[in-house]
C-alpha atoms as a PDB file:
ATOM      1  CA  MET A   1      11.761  19.336   3.082  1.00  0.00           C
ATOM      2  CA  HIS A   2      15.520  19.613   2.489  1.00  0.00           C
ATOM      3  CA  ALA A   3      17.616  17.949  -0.484  1.00  0.00           C
ATOM      4  CA  VAL A   4      19.817  15.091   0.241  1.00  0.00           C
ATOM      5  CA  ARG A   5      22.868  14.741  -2.036  1.00  0.00           C
ATOM      6  CA  GLY A   6      25.982  12.679  -1.705  1.00  0.00           C
ATOM      7  CA  VAL A   7      24.931  10.785   1.500  1.00  0.00           C
ATOM      8  CA  ASP A   8      27.140   7.562   1.415  1.00  0.00           C
ATOM      9  CA  LEU A   9      26.530   5.437   4.510  1.00  0.00           C
ATOM     10  CA  THR A  10      27.433   1.956   5.392  1.00  0.00           C
ATOM     11  CA  VAL A  11      26.175   0.825   8.724  1.00  0.00           C
ATOM     12  CA  GLY A  12      27.499  -2.468  10.163  1.00  0.00           C
ATOM     13  CA  ARG A  13      25.207  -5.304  11.645  1.00  0.00           C
ATOM     14  CA  GLY A  14      24.823  -4.578  15.360  1.00  0.00           C
ATOM     15  CA  GLU A  15      26.106  -1.032  15.268  1.00  0.00           C
ATOM     16  CA  ILE A  16      24.718   2.058  16.840  1.00  0.00           C
ATOM     17  CA  LEU A  17      25.142   4.943  14.393  1.00  0.00           C
ATOM     18  CA  GLY A  18      24.398   8.433  15.381  1.00  0.00           C
ATOM     19  CA  LEU A  19      23.334  10.905  12.671  1.00  0.00           C
ATOM     20  CA  LEU A  20      24.120  14.579  13.518  1.00  0.00           C
ATOM     21  CA  GLY A  21      23.801  17.663  11.652  1.00  0.00           C
ATOM     22  CA  PRO A  22      22.718  21.245  12.019  1.00  0.00           C
ATOM     23  CA  ASN A  23      19.173  22.563  11.334  1.00  0.00           C
ATOM     24  CA  GLY A  24      18.057  21.805   7.799  1.00  0.00           C
ATOM     25  CA  ALA A  25      21.138  19.519   7.089  1.00  0.00           C
ATOM     26  CA  GLY A  26      18.962  16.801   5.656  1.00  0.00           C
ATOM     27  CA  LYS A  27      18.790  14.353   8.625  1.00  0.00           C
ATOM     28  CA  THR A  28      15.035  14.125   8.735  1.00  0.00           C
ATOM     29  CA  THR A  29      14.841  13.568   4.784  1.00  0.00           C
ATOM     30  CA  THR A  30      17.492  10.996   5.154  1.00  0.00           C
ATOM     31  CA  LEU A  31      15.641   9.040   7.967  1.00  0.00           C
ATOM     32  CA  ARG A  32      12.330   9.294   5.910  1.00  0.00           C
ATOM     33  CA  ILE A  33      13.859   7.758   2.850  1.00  0.00           C
ATOM     34  CA  LEU A  34      15.678   4.991   4.711  1.00  0.00           C
ATOM     35  CA  THR A  35      12.289   4.137   6.473  1.00  0.00           C
ATOM     36  CA  THR A  36      10.406   4.144   3.161  1.00  0.00           C
ATOM     37  CA  LEU A  37       8.280   6.983   4.034  1.00  0.00           C
ATOM     38  CA  LEU A  38       9.671   9.223   1.340  1.00  0.00           C
ATOM     39  CA  PRO A  39      10.608   7.774  -2.315  1.00  0.00           C
ATOM     40  CA  PRO A  40      14.039   8.874  -3.121  1.00  0.00           C
ATOM     41  CA  SER A  41      14.487  10.770  -6.376  1.00  0.00           C
ATOM     42  CA  GLY A  42      17.706   9.002  -7.194  1.00  0.00           C
ATOM     43  CA  GLY A  43      20.676   6.907  -5.776  1.00  0.00           C
ATOM     44  CA  ARG A  44      20.480   3.459  -4.279  1.00  0.00           C
ATOM     45  CA  ALA A  45      20.221   1.965  -0.785  1.00  0.00           C
ATOM     46  CA  GLU A  46      20.010  -1.414   0.732  1.00  0.00           C
ATOM     47  CA  ILE A  47      18.508  -2.012   4.136  1.00  0.00           C
ATOM     48  CA  ALA A  48      18.875  -5.480   5.814  1.00  0.00           C
ATOM     49  CA  GLY A  49      20.085  -6.821   2.255  1.00  0.00           C
ATOM     50  CA  HIS A  50      17.011  -5.555   0.398  1.00  0.00           C
ATOM     51  CA  ASP A  51      16.779  -2.801  -2.047  1.00  0.00           C
ATOM     52  CA  LEU A  52      14.889   0.162  -0.835  1.00  0.00           C
ATOM     53  CA  VAL A  53      12.965   1.019  -3.892  1.00  0.00           C
ATOM     54  CA  HIS A  54      12.535  -2.419  -5.513  1.00  0.00           C
ATOM     55  CA  ASP A  55      11.970  -4.400  -2.455  1.00  0.00           C
ATOM     56  CA  THR A  56      10.192  -2.041  -0.164  1.00  0.00           C
ATOM     57  CA  ALA A  57       7.735  -4.489   1.450  1.00  0.00           C
ATOM     58  CA  ARG A  58      10.680  -6.634   2.561  1.00  0.00           C
ATOM     59  CA  VAL A  59      12.648  -3.654   3.956  1.00  0.00           C
ATOM     60  CA  ARG A  60       9.538  -2.643   5.928  1.00  0.00           C
ATOM     61  CA  ARG A  61       9.127  -6.179   7.344  1.00  0.00           C
ATOM     62  CA  ARG A  62      12.933  -5.910   8.768  1.00  0.00           C
ATOM     63  CA  ILE A  63      12.945  -2.432  10.240  1.00  0.00           C
ATOM     64  CA  GLY A  64      11.286  -0.675  13.136  1.00  0.00           C
ATOM     65  CA  TYR A  65      10.853   3.143  13.271  1.00  0.00           C
ATOM     66  CA  VAL A  66      10.165   5.290  16.436  1.00  0.00           C
ATOM     67  CA  ALA A  67       9.280   8.789  15.362  1.00  0.00           C
ATOM     68  CA  GLN A  68      10.109  11.839  17.441  1.00  0.00           C
ATOM     69  CA  SER A  69       6.452  12.794  18.090  1.00  0.00           C
ATOM     70  CA  GLY A  70       5.426   9.123  18.621  1.00  0.00           C
ATOM     71  CA  GLY A  71       1.838   7.999  17.918  1.00  0.00           C
ATOM     72  CA  LEU A  72       0.175   6.648  20.917  1.00  0.00           C
ATOM     73  CA  ASP A  73      -3.648   6.865  21.486  1.00  0.00           C
ATOM     74  CA  PRO A  74      -3.817   8.253  24.897  1.00  0.00           C
ATOM     75  CA  ALA A  75      -7.070   6.292  25.535  1.00  0.00           C
ATOM     76  CA  CYS A  76      -5.674   2.983  24.478  1.00  0.00           C
ATOM     77  CA  GLY A  77      -4.149   0.608  26.986  1.00  0.00           C
ATOM     78  CA  VAL A  78      -0.508  -0.458  26.794  1.00  0.00           C
ATOM     79  CA  ARG A  79      -1.540  -4.137  26.177  1.00  0.00           C
ATOM     80  CA  GLU A  80      -3.913  -2.988  23.409  1.00  0.00           C
ATOM     81  CA  GLU A  81      -1.357  -0.943  21.873  1.00  0.00           C
ATOM     82  CA  LEU A  82       1.229  -3.769  21.841  1.00  0.00           C
ATOM     83  CA  THR A  83      -1.321  -6.515  20.597  1.00  0.00           C
ATOM     84  CA  THR A  84      -2.776  -4.326  17.955  1.00  0.00           C
ATOM     85  CA  GLN A  85       0.710  -3.504  16.544  1.00  0.00           C
ATOM     86  CA  ALA A  86       1.542  -7.139  16.527  1.00  0.00           C
ATOM     87  CA  ARG A  87      -1.711  -7.863  14.571  1.00  0.00           C
ATOM     88  CA  LEU A  88      -0.996  -5.257  12.089  1.00  0.00           C
ATOM     89  CA  HIS A  89       2.335  -7.147  11.424  1.00  0.00           C
ATOM     90  CA  GLY A  90       0.468 -10.206  10.648  1.00  0.00           C
ATOM     91  CA  LEU A  91       0.678 -12.233  13.810  1.00  0.00           C
ATOM     92  CA  ASP A  92      -2.407 -14.232  14.915  1.00  0.00           C
ATOM     93  CA  ARG A  93      -4.325 -13.379  18.063  1.00  0.00           C
ATOM     94  CA  ALA A  94      -2.694 -15.690  20.484  1.00  0.00           C
ATOM     95  CA  THR A  95       0.951 -14.943  19.129  1.00  0.00           C
ATOM     96  CA  ALA A  96       0.288 -11.291  19.298  1.00  0.00           C
ATOM     97  CA  ARG A  97      -0.592 -11.566  23.025  1.00  0.00           C
ATOM     98  CA  GLU A  98       2.441 -13.625  23.622  1.00  0.00           C
ATOM     99  CA  ARG A  99       4.675 -11.101  21.671  1.00  0.00           C
ATOM    100  CA  ALA A 100       3.096  -8.255  23.747  1.00  0.00           C
ATOM    101  CA  GLU A 101       3.905  -9.974  27.101  1.00  0.00           C
ATOM    102  CA  GLU A 102       7.539 -10.785  26.015  1.00  0.00           C
ATOM    103  CA  LEU A 103       8.082  -7.077  25.039  1.00  0.00           C
ATOM    104  CA  ALA A 104       6.498  -5.831  28.208  1.00  0.00           C
ATOM    105  CA  ARG A 105       8.956  -7.928  30.346  1.00  0.00           C
ATOM    106  CA  ASP A 106      11.887  -6.861  28.307  1.00  0.00           C
ATOM    107  CA  LEU A 107      11.133  -3.143  28.426  1.00  0.00           C
ATOM    108  CA  ASP A 108       9.789  -3.058  32.023  1.00  0.00           C
ATOM    109  CA  LEU A 109       6.175  -2.479  31.091  1.00  0.00           C
ATOM    110  CA  THR A 110       4.548  -5.520  32.718  1.00  0.00           C
ATOM    111  CA  ALA A 111       3.180  -3.512  35.691  1.00  0.00           C
ATOM    112  CA  LEU A 112       1.683  -0.969  33.029  1.00  0.00           C
ATOM    113  CA  MET A 113      -0.077  -3.224  30.882  1.00  0.00           C
ATOM    114  CA  ASP A 114      -3.619  -2.229  31.878  1.00  0.00           C
ATOM    115  CA  ARG A 115      -3.000   1.489  32.033  1.00  0.00           C
ATOM    116  CA  PRO A 116      -3.934   3.737  29.262  1.00  0.00           C
ATOM    117  CA  SER A 117      -0.802   5.432  27.456  1.00  0.00           C
ATOM    118  CA  GLY A 118      -2.141   8.837  28.392  1.00  0.00           C
ATOM    119  CA  ALA A 119      -1.438   8.109  32.090  1.00  0.00           C
ATOM    120  CA  LEU A 120       2.222   7.109  31.557  1.00  0.00           C
ATOM    121  CA  SER A 121       5.102   9.225  32.167  1.00  0.00           C
ATOM    122  CA  GLY A 122       7.259  10.507  29.463  1.00  0.00           C
ATOM    123  CA  GLY A 123       9.793   7.752  29.910  1.00  0.00           C
ATOM    124  CA  GLN A 124       7.325   5.106  30.143  1.00  0.00           C
ATOM    125  CA  ARG A 125       5.572   6.250  26.976  1.00  0.00           C
ATOM    126  CA  ARG A 126       8.983   6.305  25.190  1.00  0.00           C
ATOM    127  CA  ARG A 127       9.548   2.831  26.428  1.00  0.00           C
ATOM    128  CA  LEU A 128       6.113   1.790  24.981  1.00  0.00           C
ATOM    129  CA  GLU A 129       6.891   3.505  21.666  1.00  0.00           C
ATOM    130  CA  ILE A 130      10.317   1.678  21.412  1.00  0.00           C
ATOM    131  CA  ALA A 131       8.565  -1.648  22.189  1.00  0.00           C
ATOM    132  CA  LEU A 132       6.032  -0.821  19.222  1.00  0.00           C
ATOM    133  CA  GLY A 133       9.042  -0.402  17.112  1.00  0.00           C
ATOM    134  CA  LEU A 134      10.391  -3.853  18.125  1.00  0.00           C
ATOM    135  CA  VAL A 135       7.041  -5.896  17.740  1.00  0.00           C
ATOM    136  CA  ASN A 136       8.291  -7.238  14.271  1.00  0.00           C
ATOM    137  CA  ARG A 137      11.758  -8.113  15.614  1.00  0.00           C
ATOM    138  CA  PRO A 138      13.515  -5.742  13.367  1.00  0.00           C
ATOM    139  CA  GLU A 139      17.110  -6.064  12.146  1.00  0.00           C
ATOM    140  CA  VAL A 140      17.308  -2.276  12.039  1.00  0.00           C
ATOM    141  CA  LEU A 141      15.720   0.107  14.364  1.00  0.00           C
ATOM    142  CA  PHE A 142      15.438   3.741  13.542  1.00  0.00           C
ATOM    143  CA  LEU A 143      15.074   6.018  16.603  1.00  0.00           C
ATOM    144  CA  ASP A 144      14.208   9.785  15.702  1.00  0.00           C
ATOM    145  CA  GLU A 145      15.311  11.857  18.878  1.00  0.00           C
ATOM    146  CA  PRO A 146      14.322   9.174  21.240  1.00  0.00           C
ATOM    147  CA  THR A 147      14.891  11.211  24.474  1.00  0.00           C
ATOM    148  CA  THR A 148      13.603  14.682  23.498  1.00  0.00           C
ATOM    149  CA  GLY A 149      11.807  16.184  26.334  1.00  0.00           C
ATOM    150  CA  LEU A 150      12.796  13.528  28.960  1.00  0.00           C
ATOM    151  CA  ASP A 151      14.254  14.402  32.251  1.00  0.00           C
ATOM    152  CA  PRO A 152      17.885  13.308  32.852  1.00  0.00           C
ATOM    153  CA  GLY A 153      16.876  10.189  34.883  1.00  0.00           C
ATOM    154  CA  SER A 154      14.679   9.073  32.038  1.00  0.00           C
ATOM    155  CA  ARG A 155      17.191   9.826  29.361  1.00  0.00           C
ATOM    156  CA  ALA A 156      19.687   7.484  31.125  1.00  0.00           C
ATOM    157  CA  GLU A 157      17.208   4.809  31.483  1.00  0.00           C
ATOM    158  CA  LEU A 158      16.511   5.077  27.520  1.00  0.00           C
ATOM    159  CA  TRP A 159      20.416   4.990  27.045  1.00  0.00           C
ATOM    160  CA  ASP A 160      20.559   1.590  28.771  1.00  0.00           C
ATOM    161  CA  LEU A 161      17.553   0.399  26.851  1.00  0.00           C
ATOM    162  CA  VAL A 162      19.162   1.183  23.508  1.00  0.00           C
ATOM    163  CA  ARG A 163      22.411  -0.603  24.604  1.00  0.00           C
ATOM    164  CA  ARG A 164      20.335  -3.624  25.781  1.00  0.00           C
ATOM    165  CA  ILE A 165      18.593  -3.862  22.459  1.00  0.00           C
ATOM    166  CA  ARG A 166      21.865  -3.819  20.512  1.00  0.00           C
ATOM    167  CA  THR A 167      23.519  -6.254  22.915  1.00  0.00           C
ATOM    168  CA  GLU A 168      20.707  -8.657  23.561  1.00  0.00           C
ATOM    169  CA  ARG A 169      18.950  -8.705  20.272  1.00  0.00           C
ATOM    170  CA  GLY A 170      21.880  -7.826  17.850  1.00  0.00           C
ATOM    171  CA  THR A 171      19.743  -5.111  16.510  1.00  0.00           C
ATOM    172  CA  THR A 172      21.234  -2.313  14.400  1.00  0.00           C
ATOM    173  CA  VAL A 173      20.251   1.075  15.662  1.00  0.00           C
ATOM    174  CA  PHE A 174      20.212   4.263  13.422  1.00  0.00           C
ATOM    175  CA  LEU A 175      19.864   7.236  15.898  1.00  0.00           C
ATOM    176  CA  THR A 176      19.277  10.883  15.222  1.00  0.00           C
ATOM    177  CA  THR A 177      19.637  13.207  18.281  1.00  0.00           C
ATOM    178  CA  HIS A 178      20.223  16.888  19.127  1.00  0.00           C
ATOM    179  CA  TYR A 179      21.905  15.933  22.405  1.00  0.00           C
ATOM    180  CA  LEU A 180      25.558  15.783  21.485  1.00  0.00           C
ATOM    181  CA  ASP A 181      26.276  14.163  24.953  1.00  0.00           C
ATOM    182  CA  GLU A 182      23.825  11.359  23.954  1.00  0.00           C
ATOM    183  CA  ALA A 183      25.683  10.671  20.581  1.00  0.00           C
ATOM    184  CA  ASP A 184      28.986  10.795  22.486  1.00  0.00           C
ATOM    185  CA  VAL A 185      27.732   8.129  24.970  1.00  0.00           C
ATOM    186  CA  LEU A 186      25.722   5.751  22.914  1.00  0.00           C
ATOM    187  CA  ALA A 187      27.051   5.851  19.201  1.00  0.00           C
ATOM    188  CA  ASP A 188      29.708   3.494  18.007  1.00  0.00           C
ATOM    189  CA  ARG A 189      30.208   5.722  15.068  1.00  0.00           C
ATOM    190  CA  ILE A 190      28.885   9.187  14.163  1.00  0.00           C
ATOM    191  CA  VAL A 191      28.067  10.540  10.712  1.00  0.00           C
ATOM    192  CA  VAL A 192      27.674  14.423  10.387  1.00  0.00           C
ATOM    193  CA  VAL A 193      25.580  15.908   7.638  1.00  0.00           C
ATOM    194  CA  ASP A 194      25.396  19.346   6.389  1.00  0.00           C
ATOM    195  CA  SER A 195      23.630  20.939   3.407  1.00  0.00           C
ATOM    196  CA  GLY A 196      22.402  17.281   2.299  1.00  0.00           C
ATOM    197  CA  SER A 197      25.952  15.798   2.303  1.00  0.00           C
ATOM    198  CA  VAL A 198      28.165  13.789   4.614  1.00  0.00           C
ATOM    199  CA  VAL A 199      30.951  16.227   6.020  1.00  0.00           C
ATOM    200  CA  ALA A 200      32.549  13.954   8.663  1.00  0.00           C
ATOM    201  CA  GLU A 201      32.243  10.447  10.151  1.00  0.00           C
ATOM    202  CA  GLY A 202      34.063   8.422  12.797  1.00  0.00           C
ATOM    203  CA  THR A 203      33.836   7.361  16.280  1.00  0.00           C
ATOM    204  CA  PRO A 204      33.189   9.928  18.813  1.00  0.00           C
ATOM    205  CA  GLY A 205      36.895   9.874  19.855  1.00  0.00           C
ATOM    206  CA  ASP A 206      38.098  10.065  16.431  1.00  0.00           C
ATOM    207  CA  LEU A 207      35.929  13.230  15.655  1.00  0.00           C
ATOM    208  CA  LYS A 208      37.163  14.889  18.916  1.00  0.00           C
ATOM    209  CA  SER A 209      40.860  14.105  18.265  1.00  0.00           C
ATOM    210  CA  ARG A 210      40.679  15.179  14.566  1.00  0.00           C
ATOM    211  CA  HIS A 211      38.756  18.424  14.982  1.00  0.00           C
ATOM    212  CA  GLY A 212      40.235  19.760  18.206  1.00  0.00           C
ATOM    213  CA  GLY A 213      38.582  20.434  21.657  1.00  0.00           C
ATOM    214  CA  GLY A 214      37.967  18.284  24.440  1.00  0.00           C
ATOM    215  CA  SER A 215      34.196  17.770  23.657  1.00  0.00           C
ATOM    216  CA  LEU A 216      31.976  16.263  20.824  1.00  0.00           C
ATOM    217  CA  GLN A 217      30.335  19.812  20.905  1.00  0.00           C
ATOM    218  CA  ASP A 218      33.631  21.599  19.976  1.00  0.00           C
ATOM    219  CA  ALA A 219      34.255  18.989  17.179  1.00  0.00           C
ATOM    220  CA  PHE A 220      30.861  19.541  15.799  1.00  0.00           C
ATOM    221  CA  LEU A 221      31.121  23.299  15.793  1.00  0.00           C
ATOM    222  CA  ALA A 222      34.524  22.957  14.053  1.00  0.00           C
ATOM    223  CA  ILE A 223      33.150  20.470  11.461  1.00  0.00           C
ATOM    224  CA  THR A 224      29.994  22.543  10.594  1.00  0.00           C
ATOM    225  CA  GLY A 225      31.725  25.875  10.891  1.00  0.00           C
ATOM    226  CA  ARG A 226      29.167  27.140  13.393  1.00  0.00           C
ATOM    227  CA  THR A 227      30.351  29.480  16.081  1.00  0.00           C
ATOM    228  CA  THR A 228      27.552  28.913  18.528  1.00  0.00           C
ATOM    229  CA  ALA A 229      26.335  25.854  20.152  1.00  0.00           C
ATOM    230  CA  HIS A 230      22.764  27.304  20.440  1.00  0.00           C
ATOM    231  CA  ASP A 231      20.320  24.446  19.377  1.00  0.00           C
ATOM    232  CA  PRO A 232      23.137  23.162  17.069  1.00  0.00           C
ATOM    233  CA  ILE A 233      21.418  20.122  15.651  1.00  0.00           C
ATOM    234  CA  ALA A 234      17.664  20.375  16.030  1.00  0.00           C
ATOM    235  CA  VAL A 235      15.731  18.513  13.387  1.00  0.00           C
END
């Protein structure tokens, strides 16, 4: 676990924010704190208008979290995964089924509803995991490296899905990624952390123009003082 200090963030409603940083920069710790999985030792944060420490239950009702490693039961069917998650959020049985069908339509999972999650492709599994993160209709969706391990076609599909979630639902998306091209394409704004502190922030275009080079990778290397792009921002 890496210490976080001096991380001061403001994320606008409906914004896609990309959180980048070199290995050990504090990204995972920051994400775990903001999703209530790790209690902060100091400081203050509000998520969707509720205090992270004193209003934890209300924060949890307003966020969705999709972990990098996922959490699907390979023997469990898609429909069962969705309805069970909805029931865990307090929906009655009929409403849970309706929510499952709604999400299946929105995320192109309808034809897969009776298939076990273990039989899904990588891209299909990721869509299901994102659907699970949307069951409670969160105001803020946290995505931890959502396209890791996916082929280029599946990555492009996930990018389109993230944009649709923001556009159609008005959802704020907080994204960590180790693909700089992904951050460049998806994020409205990027925050770079290093050694537990924010060292740069701005739009992808701002960072590229301020820190030289024609790519976000060049800017990232200049910001963090790295001399190589080898696995530059893996968690």
